[in-house]
Amino acid sequence: MLTGKVPCADVVIMQASLYQFLPDRAGEVCHKLLRAARRRALLSEPVCNLGFPSGPAWTQWLAAWMVIAGRGPNRHRFHRESFLELIRRLPGFSQVTPVGGGRELLAVFDMGSERV
């Protein structure tokens, strides 16, 4: 994703994977995806993660243990405010909708049909 070219398509979708480019490359990846979208881009990202301080204590412990043990997911994750801050700065931002009972946010970007 960071070194290759994203093929152009009418609709480009990234689902629950943008966190892998935190803490400092998520914006770069978003711009790359948006440049590839002829009409629309959809970015969906979890913003309510069980390992967050607001989650149950046992899930926080398990998430921390997995990161320390080198078996867990990337410790950097979006929360609602950080995801909104990122997407609202991007070109073509149209709307954001909670999905999955509010655990994820779906951002829609309308790029227009005139793009090649």
C-alpha atoms as a PDB file:
ATOM      1  CA  MET A   1       0.000   0.000   0.000  1.00  0.00           C
ATOM      2  CA  LEU A   2       2.789   2.427   0.811  1.00  0.00           C
ATOM      3  CA  THR A   3       5.042   1.702  -2.162  1.00  0.00           C
ATOM      4  CA  GLY A   4       2.702   0.405  -4.878  1.00  0.00           C
ATOM      5  CA  LYS A   5       0.096   2.134  -7.008  1.00  0.00           C
ATOM      6  CA  VAL A   6      -3.588   1.800  -6.191  1.00  0.00           C
ATOM      7  CA  PRO A   7      -5.445   0.959  -9.428  1.00  0.00           C
ATOM      8  CA  CYS A   8      -8.138   3.441 -10.433  1.00  0.00           C
ATOM      9  CA  ALA A   9     -11.724   2.305  -9.931  1.00  0.00           C
ATOM     10  CA  ASP A  10     -15.166   3.851  -9.800  1.00  0.00           C
ATOM     11  CA  VAL A  11     -15.380   2.985  -6.089  1.00  0.00           C
ATOM     12  CA  VAL A  12     -12.459   2.429  -3.737  1.00  0.00           C
ATOM     13  CA  ILE A  13     -13.080   0.793  -0.354  1.00  0.00           C
ATOM     14  CA  MET A  14     -10.885   0.338   2.707  1.00  0.00           C
ATOM     15  CA  GLN A  15     -12.519  -1.508   5.571  1.00  0.00           C
ATOM     16  CA  ALA A  16     -10.996  -1.755   9.053  1.00  0.00           C
ATOM     17  CA  SER A  17      -7.396  -1.528   7.836  1.00  0.00           C
ATOM     18  CA  LEU A  18      -6.409   2.124   8.029  1.00  0.00           C
ATOM     19  CA  TYR A  19      -5.241   1.760  11.647  1.00  0.00           C
ATOM     20  CA  GLN A  20      -2.279  -0.266  10.362  1.00  0.00           C
ATOM     21  CA  PHE A  21      -0.792   2.967   9.040  1.00  0.00           C
ATOM     22  CA  LEU A  22      -0.946   4.819  12.366  1.00  0.00           C
ATOM     23  CA  PRO A  23       0.579   6.770  13.884  1.00  0.00           C
ATOM     24  CA  ASP A  24       1.945   8.778  10.947  1.00  0.00           C
ATOM     25  CA  ARG A  25       1.023   7.351   7.522  1.00  0.00           C
ATOM     26  CA  ALA A  26      -2.795   7.116   7.569  1.00  0.00           C
ATOM     27  CA  GLY A  27      -3.263  10.477   5.850  1.00  0.00           C
ATOM     28  CA  GLU A  28      -0.849   9.488   3.095  1.00  0.00           C
ATOM     29  CA  VAL A  29      -2.760   6.240   2.510  1.00  0.00           C
ATOM     30  CA  CYS A  30      -6.097   8.087   2.427  1.00  0.00           C
ATOM     31  CA  HIS A  31      -4.839  10.526  -0.202  1.00  0.00           C
ATOM     32  CA  LYS A  32      -3.597   7.620  -2.304  1.00  0.00           C
ATOM     33  CA  LEU A  33      -6.992   5.896  -2.090  1.00  0.00           C
ATOM     34  CA  LEU A  34      -8.879   9.090  -2.925  1.00  0.00           C
ATOM     35  CA  ARG A  35      -6.699   9.738  -5.983  1.00  0.00           C
ATOM     36  CA  ALA A  36      -7.606   6.261  -7.261  1.00  0.00           C
ATOM     37  CA  ALA A  37     -11.378   6.770  -6.824  1.00  0.00           C
ATOM     38  CA  ARG A  38     -13.193   8.017  -9.908  1.00  0.00           C
ATOM     39  CA  ARG A  39     -16.595   8.486  -8.260  1.00  0.00           C
ATOM     40  CA  ARG A  40     -16.583   7.510  -4.604  1.00  0.00           C
ATOM     41  CA  ALA A  41     -14.377   6.265  -1.790  1.00  0.00           C
ATOM     42  CA  LEU A  42     -15.581   4.501   1.344  1.00  0.00           C
ATOM     43  CA  LEU A  43     -13.431   4.266   4.456  1.00  0.00           C
ATOM     44  CA  SER A  44     -14.784   2.265   7.367  1.00  0.00           C
ATOM     45  CA  GLU A  45     -12.796   2.041  10.568  1.00  0.00           C
ATOM     46  CA  PRO A  46     -13.423   0.684  14.078  1.00  0.00           C
ATOM     47  CA  VAL A  47     -13.553   3.517  16.597  1.00  0.00           C
ATOM     48  CA  CYS A  48     -14.748   1.596  19.649  1.00  0.00           C
ATOM     49  CA  ASN A  49     -12.117  -1.020  20.415  1.00  0.00           C
ATOM     50  CA  LEU A  50     -12.313  -3.379  23.374  1.00  0.00           C
ATOM     51  CA  GLY A  51      -8.691  -2.682  24.352  1.00  0.00           C
ATOM     52  CA  PHE A  52      -9.375   1.029  24.856  1.00  0.00           C
ATOM     53  CA  PRO A  53      -9.392   2.414  28.401  1.00  0.00           C
ATOM     54  CA  SER A  54     -13.180   2.712  28.114  1.00  0.00           C
ATOM     55  CA  GLY A  55     -13.500  -1.036  27.451  1.00  0.00           C
ATOM     56  CA  PRO A  56     -13.852  -3.772  30.051  1.00  0.00           C
ATOM     57  CA  ALA A  57     -10.775  -4.217  32.277  1.00  0.00           C
ATOM     58  CA  TRP A  58     -10.129  -7.793  31.158  1.00  0.00           C
ATOM     59  CA  THR A  59     -10.051  -6.795  27.463  1.00  0.00           C
ATOM     60  CA  GLN A  60      -7.612  -3.985  28.235  1.00  0.00           C
ATOM     61  CA  TRP A  61      -5.350  -6.454  30.021  1.00  0.00           C
ATOM     62  CA  LEU A  62      -5.570  -8.989  27.184  1.00  0.00           C
ATOM     63  CA  ALA A  63      -4.891  -6.370  24.489  1.00  0.00           C
ATOM     64  CA  ALA A  64      -1.866  -5.048  26.409  1.00  0.00           C
ATOM     65  CA  TRP A  65      -0.513  -8.571  26.943  1.00  0.00           C
ATOM     66  CA  MET A  66      -0.865  -9.437  23.243  1.00  0.00           C
ATOM     67  CA  VAL A  67       1.030  -6.311  22.181  1.00  0.00           C
ATOM     68  CA  ILE A  68       3.829  -7.000  24.676  1.00  0.00           C
ATOM     69  CA  ALA A  69       4.002 -10.635  23.578  1.00  0.00           C
ATOM     70  CA  GLY A  70       4.277  -9.547  19.943  1.00  0.00           C
ATOM     71  CA  ARG A  71       1.144 -11.462  18.965  1.00  0.00           C
ATOM     72  CA  GLY A  72      -1.428  -8.745  19.060  1.00  0.00           C
ATOM     73  CA  PRO A  73      -2.659  -6.179  16.612  1.00  0.00           C
ATOM     74  CA  ASN A  74      -1.039  -2.823  16.135  1.00  0.00           C
ATOM     75  CA  ARG A  75      -1.407  -0.890  19.389  1.00  0.00           C
ATOM     76  CA  HIS A  76      -2.370   2.282  17.503  1.00  0.00           C
ATOM     77  CA  ARG A  77      -6.098   2.525  16.885  1.00  0.00           C
ATOM     78  CA  PHE A  78      -8.553   5.206  15.976  1.00  0.00           C
ATOM     79  CA  HIS A  79     -11.140   6.510  18.360  1.00  0.00           C
ATOM     80  CA  ARG A  80     -14.133   8.534  17.189  1.00  0.00           C
ATOM     81  CA  GLU A  81     -12.476  11.934  17.478  1.00  0.00           C
ATOM     82  CA  SER A  82      -9.176  10.970  15.828  1.00  0.00           C
ATOM     83  CA  PHE A  83     -10.928   9.336  12.854  1.00  0.00           C
ATOM     84  CA  LEU A  84     -13.240  12.333  12.394  1.00  0.00           C
ATOM     85  CA  GLU A  85     -10.273  14.696  12.577  1.00  0.00           C
ATOM     86  CA  LEU A  86      -8.523  12.798   9.788  1.00  0.00           C
ATOM     87  CA  ILE A  87     -11.441  12.355   7.386  1.00  0.00           C
ATOM     88  CA  ARG A  88     -12.854  15.875   7.653  1.00  0.00           C
ATOM     89  CA  ARG A  89      -9.583  17.281   6.261  1.00  0.00           C
ATOM     90  CA  LEU A  90      -9.657  15.070   3.166  1.00  0.00           C
ATOM     91  CA  PRO A  91     -10.911  16.210  -0.254  1.00  0.00           C
ATOM     92  CA  GLY A  92     -14.374  15.074  -1.298  1.00  0.00           C
ATOM     93  CA  PHE A  93     -15.553  14.320   2.250  1.00  0.00           C
ATOM     94  CA  SER A  94     -19.323  13.968   2.072  1.00  0.00           C
ATOM     95  CA  GLN A  95     -20.677  12.219   5.176  1.00  0.00           C
ATOM     96  CA  VAL A  96     -19.929   9.898   8.048  1.00  0.00           C
ATOM     97  CA  THR A  97     -22.290   7.248   9.392  1.00  0.00           C
ATOM     98  CA  PRO A  98     -21.986   4.989  12.432  1.00  0.00           C
ATOM     99  CA  VAL A  99     -22.183   1.289  11.505  1.00  0.00           C
ATOM    100  CA  GLY A 100     -21.929  -1.949  13.434  1.00  0.00           C
ATOM    101  CA  GLY A 101     -23.868  -0.599  16.378  1.00  0.00           C
ATOM    102  CA  GLY A 102     -21.590   2.451  16.500  1.00  0.00           C
ATOM    103  CA  ARG A 103     -18.391   0.433  16.825  1.00  0.00           C
ATOM    104  CA  GLU A 104     -17.263   1.650  13.376  1.00  0.00           C
ATOM    105  CA  LEU A 105     -17.590   4.837  11.375  1.00  0.00           C
ATOM    106  CA  LEU A 106     -18.158   4.768   7.622  1.00  0.00           C
ATOM    107  CA  ALA A 107     -16.841   7.828   5.797  1.00  0.00           C
ATOM    108  CA  VAL A 108     -18.084   8.596   2.276  1.00  0.00           C
ATOM    109  CA  PHE A 109     -16.112  10.691  -0.197  1.00  0.00           C
ATOM    110  CA  ASP A 110     -17.750  11.859  -3.417  1.00  0.00           C
ATOM    111  CA  MET A 111     -15.031  12.379  -5.988  1.00  0.00           C
ATOM    112  CA  GLY A 112     -17.196  13.170  -9.023  1.00  0.00           C
ATOM    113  CA  SER A 113     -17.478  11.364 -12.336  1.00  0.00           C
ATOM    114  CA  GLU A 114     -15.108  13.658 -14.243  1.00  0.00           C
ATOM    115  CA  ARG A 115     -11.963  12.243 -12.636  1.00  0.00           C
ATOM    116  CA  VAL A 116      -9.781   9.930 -14.668  1.00  0.00           C
END
